[in-house]
Amino acid sequence: MCDEAKILLEQIRKRHDRIPAHIAIIMDGNGRWAALRDKPRSFGHEAGVTAVRKVVRACGELGVKYLTLYTFSVENWKRPKDEVDALMSLLTRTTLNEINELLKNDVKLITTGRINGLPASRRKIIQEAVRRTSGNRGLVLNLALNYGGRAEIIDAVKAIAHSVKSGMIEIAQIDDTLFSDFLYTSGIPDPDLLIRTSGERRISNFLIWQTSYTELYIIDTLWPDFGEKALYEAVLDFQQRDRRFGKVRSED
């Protein structure tokens, strides 16, 4: 960690009560990072793994409880087959390579999304890592895999409709809390902070329901160049914000 990052970390810790419990990140810009170097997109995805490693470590240093990474969306299947195959290979190789580090640092790995839609051989490796880290009590690392916000809402609506039809719940019982219980992220608090790299100003079908009152932080940095310092700057910015959740300031 560079000296500047250490200074930022100490500043953040002075307001430990305002450290976000849940950070979500749209990791964007791998392809552009590779293109700037006249390399294939897969080269950028490989480089992005280093940024993931840095951010997981930094969140652990901060005491963040949940980190959700937009790893592979339902729309990503539309990419060229060779890129999809490379992403799947990278995902499983990284999982195998990092499992001991996750265990060492007490990181619990979970997944969010239509995990059954992944190829069986890839899914098996991810599920084994989830099983092996299930007893960890530190940072919860949530990989959004084969994930789409609209798909999540549709799946929740179908599950609720089935429960109503079977008599398990009454229509009158349906409210924000019950609906949240039927989402993939049931049991996980909504993100306090959503970071998007590469400068794109949209949420790209990511955690649509959960980010209603999430603070957004958009940075031009491409994902492979994102690290501890950039994360700490985002958190420090978050700590300066006035989160009112629809209310007004007492002086207004």
Protein backbone atom coordinates (compact mmCIF):
# COMPACT_ATOMS: atom_id res chain seq x y z
CA MET A 1 0.00 0.00 0.00
CA CYS A 2 1.41 3.41 -0.98
CA ASP A 3 1.89 6.19 1.56
CA GLU A 4 -0.99 8.23 0.13
CA ALA A 5 -3.35 5.26 0.50
CA LYS A 6 -2.23 4.83 4.12
CA ILE A 7 -3.04 8.49 4.85
CA LEU A 8 -6.50 8.09 3.30
CA LEU A 9 -7.10 4.95 5.33
CA GLU A 10 -6.31 6.76 8.56
CA GLN A 11 -8.66 9.61 7.61
CA ILE A 12 -11.45 7.13 6.96
CA ARG A 13 -10.90 5.35 10.26
CA LYS A 14 -11.42 8.61 12.16
CA ARG A 15 -15.07 8.34 11.10
CA HIS A 16 -15.36 4.60 11.63
CA ASP A 17 -19.11 4.92 12.22
CA ARG A 18 -19.50 6.06 8.59
CA ILE A 19 -17.62 3.27 6.87
CA PRO A 20 -20.06 1.66 4.39
CA ALA A 21 -21.19 -1.79 5.48
CA HIS A 22 -21.82 -2.86 1.90
CA ILE A 23 -19.94 -1.71 -1.19
CA ALA A 24 -21.01 -2.79 -4.69
CA ILE A 25 -18.81 -2.29 -7.73
CA ILE A 26 -19.46 -2.33 -11.47
CA MET A 27 -16.01 -3.31 -12.71
CA ASP A 28 -15.97 -1.65 -16.12
CA GLY A 29 -13.19 -0.85 -18.57
CA ASN A 30 -11.19 -4.06 -19.00
CA GLY A 31 -11.68 -4.07 -22.76
CA ARG A 32 -10.74 -0.43 -23.21
CA TRP A 33 -7.69 -0.89 -20.99
CA ALA A 34 -6.53 -3.73 -23.24
CA ALA A 35 -7.30 -1.80 -26.44
CA LEU A 36 -5.13 1.09 -25.29
CA ARG A 37 -2.27 -1.42 -25.18
CA ASP A 38 -3.15 -3.10 -28.49
CA LYS A 39 -4.03 -6.27 -26.64
CA PRO A 40 -7.08 -8.56 -26.87
CA ARG A 41 -9.97 -8.02 -24.45
CA SER A 42 -9.01 -11.16 -22.54
CA PHE A 43 -5.76 -9.43 -21.59
CA GLY A 44 -7.79 -6.71 -19.88
CA HIS A 45 -9.93 -9.23 -18.02
CA GLU A 46 -6.79 -10.96 -16.74
CA ALA A 47 -5.42 -7.61 -15.55
CA GLY A 48 -8.72 -6.89 -13.82
CA VAL A 49 -8.13 -9.80 -11.45
CA THR A 50 -5.28 -7.85 -9.83
CA ALA A 51 -7.68 -4.99 -9.12
CA VAL A 52 -10.15 -7.43 -7.56
CA ARG A 53 -7.44 -8.78 -5.30
CA LYS A 54 -6.45 -5.27 -4.18
CA VAL A 55 -10.03 -4.20 -3.50
CA VAL A 56 -10.88 -7.34 -1.52
CA ARG A 57 -7.81 -6.78 0.62
CA ALA A 58 -8.61 -3.07 1.08
CA CYS A 59 -12.21 -3.76 2.08
CA GLY A 60 -10.91 -6.18 4.68
CA GLU A 61 -8.60 -3.46 6.02
CA LEU A 62 -11.54 -1.05 6.27
CA GLY A 63 -13.85 -3.46 8.02
CA VAL A 64 -16.41 -3.48 5.21
CA LYS A 65 -18.84 -6.34 5.82
CA TYR A 66 -20.08 -6.99 2.26
CA LEU A 67 -18.46 -6.48 -1.14
CA THR A 68 -20.57 -7.26 -4.22
CA LEU A 69 -18.78 -7.42 -7.58
CA TYR A 70 -20.67 -7.39 -10.90
CA THR A 71 -18.71 -10.32 -12.29
CA PHE A 72 -20.79 -11.66 -15.20
CA SER A 73 -24.18 -10.39 -16.30
CA VAL A 74 -27.00 -12.20 -18.10
CA GLU A 75 -26.28 -9.89 -21.04
CA ASN A 76 -22.62 -10.95 -21.20
CA TRP A 77 -23.62 -14.21 -22.91
CA LYS A 78 -24.21 -12.05 -26.02
CA ARG A 79 -20.47 -11.35 -26.30
CA PRO A 80 -18.32 -13.32 -28.79
CA LYS A 81 -17.99 -16.97 -27.79
CA ASP A 82 -14.22 -16.79 -27.42
CA GLU A 83 -14.53 -13.91 -24.95
CA VAL A 84 -17.24 -15.69 -22.95
CA ASP A 85 -15.10 -18.85 -22.83
CA ALA A 86 -12.12 -16.78 -21.69
CA LEU A 87 -14.20 -15.14 -18.95
CA MET A 88 -15.48 -18.49 -17.70
CA SER A 89 -11.95 -19.90 -17.69
CA LEU A 90 -10.63 -16.85 -15.86
CA LEU A 91 -13.40 -17.08 -13.28
CA THR A 92 -12.66 -20.66 -12.36
CA ARG A 93 -8.88 -20.32 -12.50
CA THR A 94 -9.02 -17.27 -10.25
CA THR A 95 -11.30 -19.06 -7.82
CA LEU A 96 -8.93 -22.00 -7.59
CA ASN A 97 -5.88 -19.74 -7.25
CA GLU A 98 -7.42 -17.51 -4.59
CA ILE A 99 -9.21 -20.02 -2.36
CA ASN A 100 -6.32 -20.35 0.09
CA GLU A 101 -6.03 -16.56 0.33
CA LEU A 102 -9.76 -16.30 1.06
CA LEU A 103 -9.45 -18.91 3.78
CA LYS A 104 -6.38 -17.23 5.25
CA ASN A 105 -8.12 -13.84 5.43
CA ASP A 106 -11.44 -15.21 6.73
CA VAL A 107 -13.33 -14.10 3.59
CA LYS A 108 -16.66 -15.79 2.93
CA LEU A 109 -17.50 -16.29 -0.74
CA ILE A 110 -21.11 -16.29 -1.92
CA THR A 111 -22.81 -15.84 -5.29
CA THR A 112 -25.82 -13.86 -6.51
CA GLY A 113 -27.66 -14.64 -9.74
CA ARG A 114 -28.78 -17.56 -11.84
CA ILE A 115 -25.80 -19.70 -10.87
CA ASN A 116 -27.40 -22.81 -12.38
CA GLY A 117 -27.07 -21.17 -15.78
CA LEU A 118 -23.28 -21.51 -15.68
CA PRO A 119 -21.61 -24.51 -17.33
CA ALA A 120 -21.66 -27.45 -14.90
CA SER A 121 -17.87 -27.79 -14.68
CA ARG A 122 -17.47 -24.07 -13.92
CA ARG A 123 -20.36 -24.05 -11.48
CA LYS A 124 -18.91 -26.99 -9.54
CA ILE A 125 -15.66 -25.12 -8.84
CA ILE A 126 -17.48 -21.98 -7.67
CA GLN A 127 -19.84 -23.95 -5.44
CA GLU A 128 -16.94 -25.83 -3.87
CA ALA A 129 -15.23 -22.54 -3.01
CA VAL A 130 -18.50 -21.28 -1.52
CA ARG A 131 -18.72 -24.44 0.58
CA ARG A 132 -15.12 -24.26 1.78
CA THR A 133 -15.41 -20.63 2.90
CA SER A 134 -18.91 -20.93 4.38
CA GLY A 135 -17.59 -20.93 7.94
CA ASN A 136 -15.56 -17.73 7.54
CA ARG A 137 -16.68 -14.71 9.54
CA GLY A 138 -14.87 -11.80 7.90
CA LEU A 139 -15.71 -9.94 4.70
CA VAL A 140 -18.50 -11.47 2.63
CA LEU A 141 -17.41 -11.43 -1.02
CA ASN A 142 -20.50 -11.65 -3.19
CA LEU A 143 -19.93 -12.45 -6.87
CA ALA A 144 -22.86 -11.43 -9.09
CA LEU A 145 -22.72 -14.25 -11.64
CA ASN A 146 -25.15 -14.69 -14.52
CA TYR A 147 -26.89 -11.78 -12.83
CA GLY A 148 -29.42 -9.26 -14.10
CA GLY A 149 -31.52 -6.88 -12.04
CA ARG A 150 -34.63 -7.36 -14.16
CA ALA A 151 -34.20 -11.13 -14.14
CA GLU A 152 -33.91 -11.02 -10.35
CA ILE A 153 -37.16 -9.05 -10.03
CA ILE A 154 -38.98 -11.36 -12.44
CA ASP A 155 -37.77 -14.42 -10.52
CA ALA A 156 -38.94 -12.83 -7.26
CA VAL A 157 -42.38 -12.04 -8.71
CA LYS A 158 -42.76 -15.62 -9.92
CA ALA A 159 -41.77 -17.01 -6.53
CA ILE A 160 -44.17 -14.71 -4.71
CA ALA A 161 -46.99 -15.58 -7.13
CA HIS A 162 -46.33 -19.28 -6.52
CA SER A 163 -46.39 -18.71 -2.74
CA VAL A 164 -49.68 -16.81 -3.00
CA LYS A 165 -51.21 -19.51 -5.20
CA SER A 166 -50.16 -22.24 -2.76
CA GLY A 167 -51.58 -20.31 0.18
CA MET A 168 -48.22 -19.73 1.88
CA ILE A 169 -48.66 -15.95 1.90
CA GLU A 170 -51.55 -13.51 1.48
CA ILE A 171 -51.48 -10.70 -1.06
CA ALA A 172 -51.94 -8.21 1.77
CA GLN A 173 -48.63 -9.37 3.26
CA ILE A 174 -46.61 -8.24 0.24
CA ASP A 175 -44.53 -5.17 1.07
CA ASP A 176 -40.97 -3.95 0.60
CA THR A 177 -39.60 -6.27 3.27
CA LEU A 178 -41.31 -9.39 1.98
CA PHE A 179 -40.34 -8.62 -1.62
CA SER A 180 -36.69 -8.20 -0.58
CA ASP A 181 -36.83 -11.62 1.07
CA PHE A 182 -37.56 -13.17 -2.34
CA LEU A 183 -34.61 -11.52 -4.09
CA TYR A 184 -31.28 -13.27 -4.70
CA THR A 185 -29.77 -10.96 -2.08
CA SER A 186 -32.13 -11.98 0.72
CA GLY A 187 -30.33 -11.54 4.03
CA ILE A 188 -27.81 -9.07 2.63
CA PRO A 189 -28.21 -5.34 3.42
CA ASP A 190 -28.65 -2.98 0.48
CA PRO A 191 -25.40 -1.39 -0.74
CA ASP A 192 -24.42 1.87 0.93
CA LEU A 193 -22.04 2.74 -1.88
CA LEU A 194 -22.02 1.77 -5.57
CA ILE A 195 -18.79 2.41 -7.45
CA ARG A 196 -18.59 2.33 -11.23
CA THR A 197 -15.28 2.56 -13.03
CA SER A 198 -14.54 3.76 -16.60
CA GLY A 199 -16.81 6.81 -16.45
CA GLU A 200 -20.03 5.27 -17.77
CA ARG A 201 -23.02 6.88 -16.06
CA ARG A 202 -25.54 4.08 -15.76
CA ILE A 203 -26.17 1.11 -13.47
CA SER A 204 -26.46 -1.43 -16.31
CA ASN A 205 -29.19 -3.63 -14.83
CA PHE A 206 -27.25 -4.08 -11.56
CA LEU A 207 -29.08 -4.35 -8.21
CA ILE A 208 -32.01 -2.28 -9.47
CA TRP A 209 -34.17 -2.82 -6.38
CA GLN A 210 -31.36 -2.69 -3.85
CA THR A 211 -29.76 0.60 -4.97
CA SER A 212 -32.82 2.83 -4.48
CA TYR A 213 -30.95 4.90 -1.86
CA THR A 214 -27.40 3.83 -2.56
CA GLU A 215 -24.77 6.55 -2.96
CA LEU A 216 -23.27 6.49 -6.45
CA TYR A 217 -19.59 7.13 -7.14
CA ILE A 218 -18.45 7.19 -10.77
CA ILE A 219 -14.79 7.37 -11.65
CA ASP A 220 -13.09 7.57 -15.07
CA THR A 221 -10.37 5.12 -14.04
CA LEU A 222 -10.50 1.85 -15.98
CA TRP A 223 -10.97 -1.19 -13.76
CA PRO A 224 -7.46 -2.72 -14.10
CA ASP A 225 -6.01 0.60 -12.80
CA PHE A 226 -8.33 0.70 -9.78
CA GLY A 227 -6.72 -0.08 -6.43
CA GLU A 228 -6.60 0.68 -2.72
CA LYS A 229 -6.11 4.44 -3.14
CA ALA A 230 -9.06 4.78 -5.52
CA LEU A 231 -11.27 2.73 -3.20
CA TYR A 232 -10.31 4.82 -0.17
CA GLU A 233 -11.03 8.02 -2.10
CA ALA A 234 -14.50 6.68 -2.90
CA VAL A 235 -15.16 5.82 0.74
CA LEU A 236 -13.88 9.19 1.92
CA ASP A 237 -16.24 10.89 -0.53
CA PHE A 238 -19.08 8.71 0.81
CA GLN A 239 -18.32 9.82 4.36
CA GLN A 240 -18.88 13.47 3.40
CA ARG A 241 -22.38 12.88 2.03
CA ASP A 242 -25.65 13.66 3.77
CA ARG A 243 -27.81 10.56 3.48
CA ARG A 244 -31.41 11.62 4.14
CA PHE A 245 -33.40 8.74 2.58
CA GLY A 246 -36.15 11.11 1.41
CA LYS A 247 -36.17 13.18 4.58
CA VAL A 248 -35.09 16.82 4.93
CA ARG A 249 -32.30 18.27 6.98
CA SER A 250 -33.34 19.40 10.42
CA GLU A 251 -32.42 22.99 9.49
CA ASP A 252 -34.48 22.95 6.23
